[in-house]
Amino acid sequence: MNSKIDRHTQIKRIIAGNKISSQEELLKHLREAGFNLTQATLSRDLKEIRVGKIIGQDKESIYVLNELLKQGNQKAITPAIPDSSVLSIVFSYNLCIIRTFPAYASTIATCIDGAQLDEVAGTIAGDDTVLIIPREGYSQKEILKSLGILIPAIESRLN
């Protein structure tokens, strides 16, 4: 039962069904399920199965599965990105730059891409920065309104 595929499946189940805020907490759940692994192995597993972190409504960091943000070719069922995850937003012409806490940009970019917003052609994420490339013909105001679906208080982060 301790194959890599089984372990990845169990990690996904645990994260999808619980508010997990640390690797130690996730390791505890995995060990209770019969998996014996090191934190280094868990870190590699989290990267391989594309697990990210966001700041939850209670201001605590929690793990999220990027794959759950999409359902086929339909619009994603995307949870709102907690406002506290976004530090600032600025435009350079129509390019939109979102600053986040370190290690949050990838998760936020995945949420934005997963939402398949008409105004957004795509994103590029670094460690703490998301570059949003808008589609032709959309104004900054339209892009902000669209992002407001995912980040409710986005305009309060506008610089």
Protein backbone atom coordinates (compact mmCIF):
# COMPACT_ATOMS: atom_id res chain seq x y z
CA MET A 1 0.00 0.00 0.00
CA ASN A 2 2.97 2.34 0.33
CA SER A 3 3.56 2.97 -3.37
CA LYS A 4 4.12 6.51 -4.56
CA ILE A 5 0.75 6.51 -6.35
CA ASP A 6 -1.04 5.35 -3.20
CA ARG A 7 0.77 7.99 -1.17
CA HIS A 8 -0.14 10.76 -3.64
CA THR A 9 -3.78 9.63 -3.62
CA GLN A 10 -3.85 9.69 0.18
CA ILE A 11 -2.24 13.16 0.31
CA LYS A 12 -4.92 14.47 -2.06
CA ARG A 13 -7.68 12.92 0.05
CA ILE A 14 -6.31 14.40 3.26
CA ILE A 15 -5.88 17.90 1.82
CA ALA A 16 -9.28 17.86 0.10
CA GLY A 17 -11.05 16.75 3.27
CA ASN A 18 -9.22 18.75 5.95
CA LYS A 19 -7.80 22.19 6.65
CA ILE A 20 -4.12 21.28 6.70
CA SER A 21 -1.77 24.11 7.59
CA SER A 22 1.63 22.44 7.96
CA GLN A 23 3.69 19.54 6.66
CA GLU A 24 3.91 18.19 10.20
CA GLU A 25 0.11 18.02 10.39
CA LEU A 26 -0.05 16.32 7.00
CA LEU A 27 2.68 13.84 8.04
CA LYS A 28 0.64 12.97 11.14
CA HIS A 29 -2.43 12.19 9.00
CA LEU A 30 -0.32 10.12 6.59
CA ARG A 31 1.27 8.12 9.40
CA GLU A 32 -2.18 7.45 10.89
CA ALA A 33 -3.15 6.09 7.45
CA GLY A 34 -0.16 3.72 7.50
CA PHE A 35 2.37 5.68 5.44
CA ASN A 36 5.90 6.02 6.79
CA LEU A 37 7.82 8.80 5.04
CA THR A 38 10.18 11.66 5.74
CA GLN A 39 9.41 15.35 5.51
CA ALA A 40 11.78 15.60 2.53
CA THR A 41 9.75 12.95 0.67
CA LEU A 42 6.53 14.77 1.56
CA SER A 43 7.95 18.05 0.23
CA ARG A 44 8.78 16.38 -3.10
CA ASP A 45 5.33 14.79 -3.21
CA LEU A 46 3.63 18.17 -2.64
CA LYS A 47 5.56 19.66 -5.58
CA GLU A 48 4.82 16.70 -7.84
CA ILE A 49 1.07 16.77 -7.22
CA ARG A 50 0.98 20.59 -7.36
CA VAL A 51 -0.17 21.50 -3.90
CA GLY A 52 -0.14 25.18 -3.03
CA LYS A 53 -0.93 27.33 -0.02
CA ILE A 54 -3.35 30.16 0.47
CA ILE A 55 -4.30 32.20 3.50
CA GLY A 56 -7.70 31.01 4.71
CA GLN A 57 -10.52 33.18 6.01
CA ASP A 58 -9.19 32.67 9.55
CA LYS A 59 -5.80 34.17 8.46
CA GLU A 60 -4.09 30.77 8.66
CA SER A 61 -2.13 29.25 5.76
CA ILE A 62 -3.77 26.12 4.36
CA TYR A 63 -2.84 23.67 1.62
CA VAL A 64 -4.97 23.51 -1.53
CA LEU A 65 -5.00 21.12 -4.47
CA ASN A 66 -4.55 23.03 -7.69
CA GLU A 67 -6.26 20.26 -9.69
CA LEU A 68 -9.52 20.73 -7.80
CA LEU A 69 -9.82 24.26 -9.15
CA LYS A 70 -10.82 22.97 -12.59
CA GLN A 71 -13.52 20.66 -13.87
CA GLY A 72 -12.95 19.67 -17.47
CA ASN A 73 -13.43 22.48 -19.94
CA GLN A 74 -16.15 24.11 -17.88
CA LYS A 75 -15.53 27.26 -15.89
CA ALA A 76 -13.73 26.31 -12.73
CA ILE A 77 -15.49 26.21 -9.41
CA THR A 78 -12.96 28.49 -7.83
CA PRO A 79 -13.11 29.61 -4.23
CA ALA A 80 -12.49 33.25 -3.52
CA ILE A 81 -8.85 34.00 -2.90
CA PRO A 82 -8.60 35.39 0.62
CA ASP A 83 -7.91 39.12 0.46
CA SER A 84 -5.04 38.76 2.90
CA SER A 85 -3.12 36.64 0.34
CA VAL A 86 -2.85 39.64 -1.98
CA LEU A 87 -0.56 42.43 -0.79
CA SER A 88 -0.94 44.80 -3.73
CA ILE A 89 -2.03 45.13 -7.33
CA VAL A 90 -0.65 47.54 -9.89
CA PHE A 91 -1.11 48.04 -13.63
CA SER A 92 1.48 48.87 -16.23
CA TYR A 93 -0.63 49.74 -19.25
CA ASN A 94 -2.99 46.76 -19.29
CA LEU A 95 -0.57 44.29 -17.71
CA CYS A 96 -1.59 43.56 -14.15
CA ILE A 97 0.94 42.72 -11.44
CA ILE A 98 -0.22 41.15 -8.17
CA ARG A 99 2.18 40.98 -5.20
CA THR A 100 1.61 38.18 -2.70
CA PHE A 101 3.26 36.70 0.34
CA PRO A 102 6.29 34.53 -0.58
CA ALA A 103 5.26 31.13 -2.02
CA TYR A 104 1.63 32.18 -2.68
CA ALA A 105 1.90 33.46 -6.26
CA SER A 106 1.69 30.06 -7.94
CA THR A 107 -1.52 29.14 -6.12
CA ILE A 108 -3.14 32.49 -6.87
CA ALA A 109 -2.13 32.26 -10.55
CA THR A 110 -3.61 28.75 -10.71
CA CYS A 111 -6.87 30.05 -9.23
CA ILE A 112 -7.00 32.86 -11.78
CA ASP A 113 -6.19 30.53 -14.69
CA GLY A 114 -8.64 27.93 -13.40
CA ALA A 115 -11.46 30.46 -13.32
CA GLN A 116 -11.08 30.89 -17.10
CA LEU A 117 -11.96 34.58 -16.96
CA ASP A 118 -12.82 36.01 -20.37
CA GLU A 119 -10.60 39.03 -19.69
CA VAL A 120 -7.48 37.01 -18.86
CA ALA A 121 -5.33 35.33 -21.51
CA GLY A 122 -3.04 33.80 -18.89
CA THR A 123 -0.75 34.31 -15.94
CA ILE A 124 2.92 33.94 -15.11
CA ALA A 125 3.84 33.30 -11.48
CA GLY A 126 7.05 33.77 -9.57
CA ASP A 127 7.45 33.26 -5.85
CA ASP A 128 5.61 36.38 -4.70
CA THR A 129 4.46 37.99 -7.96
CA VAL A 130 1.76 37.14 -10.50
CA LEU A 131 1.77 38.75 -13.93
CA ILE A 132 -1.66 38.74 -15.52
CA ILE A 133 -1.74 39.05 -19.30
CA PRO A 134 -5.14 40.37 -20.36
CA ARG A 135 -6.88 39.61 -23.62
CA GLU A 136 -7.01 42.36 -26.23
CA GLY A 137 -9.74 44.93 -25.87
CA TYR A 138 -10.29 44.81 -22.10
CA SER A 139 -9.70 47.85 -19.91
CA GLN A 140 -8.05 47.93 -16.50
CA LYS A 141 -11.48 48.51 -14.97
CA GLU A 142 -12.92 45.42 -16.69
CA ILE A 143 -9.95 43.31 -15.59
CA LEU A 144 -10.32 44.52 -11.99
CA LYS A 145 -14.05 43.76 -12.03
CA SER A 146 -13.36 40.26 -13.33
CA LEU A 147 -10.64 39.61 -10.74
CA GLY A 148 -13.04 40.91 -8.07
CA ILE A 149 -14.98 37.66 -8.44
CA LEU A 150 -11.92 35.79 -7.12
CA ILE A 151 -10.46 38.46 -4.85
CA PRO A 152 -13.46 40.31 -3.36
CA ALA A 153 -11.63 43.36 -1.97
CA ILE A 154 -9.09 43.65 -4.80
CA GLU A 155 -9.69 47.36 -5.32
CA SER A 156 -8.52 48.04 -1.76
CA ARG A 157 -5.13 46.53 -2.75
CA LEU A 158 -4.78 48.76 -5.83
CA ASN A 159 -1.66 50.96 -5.78
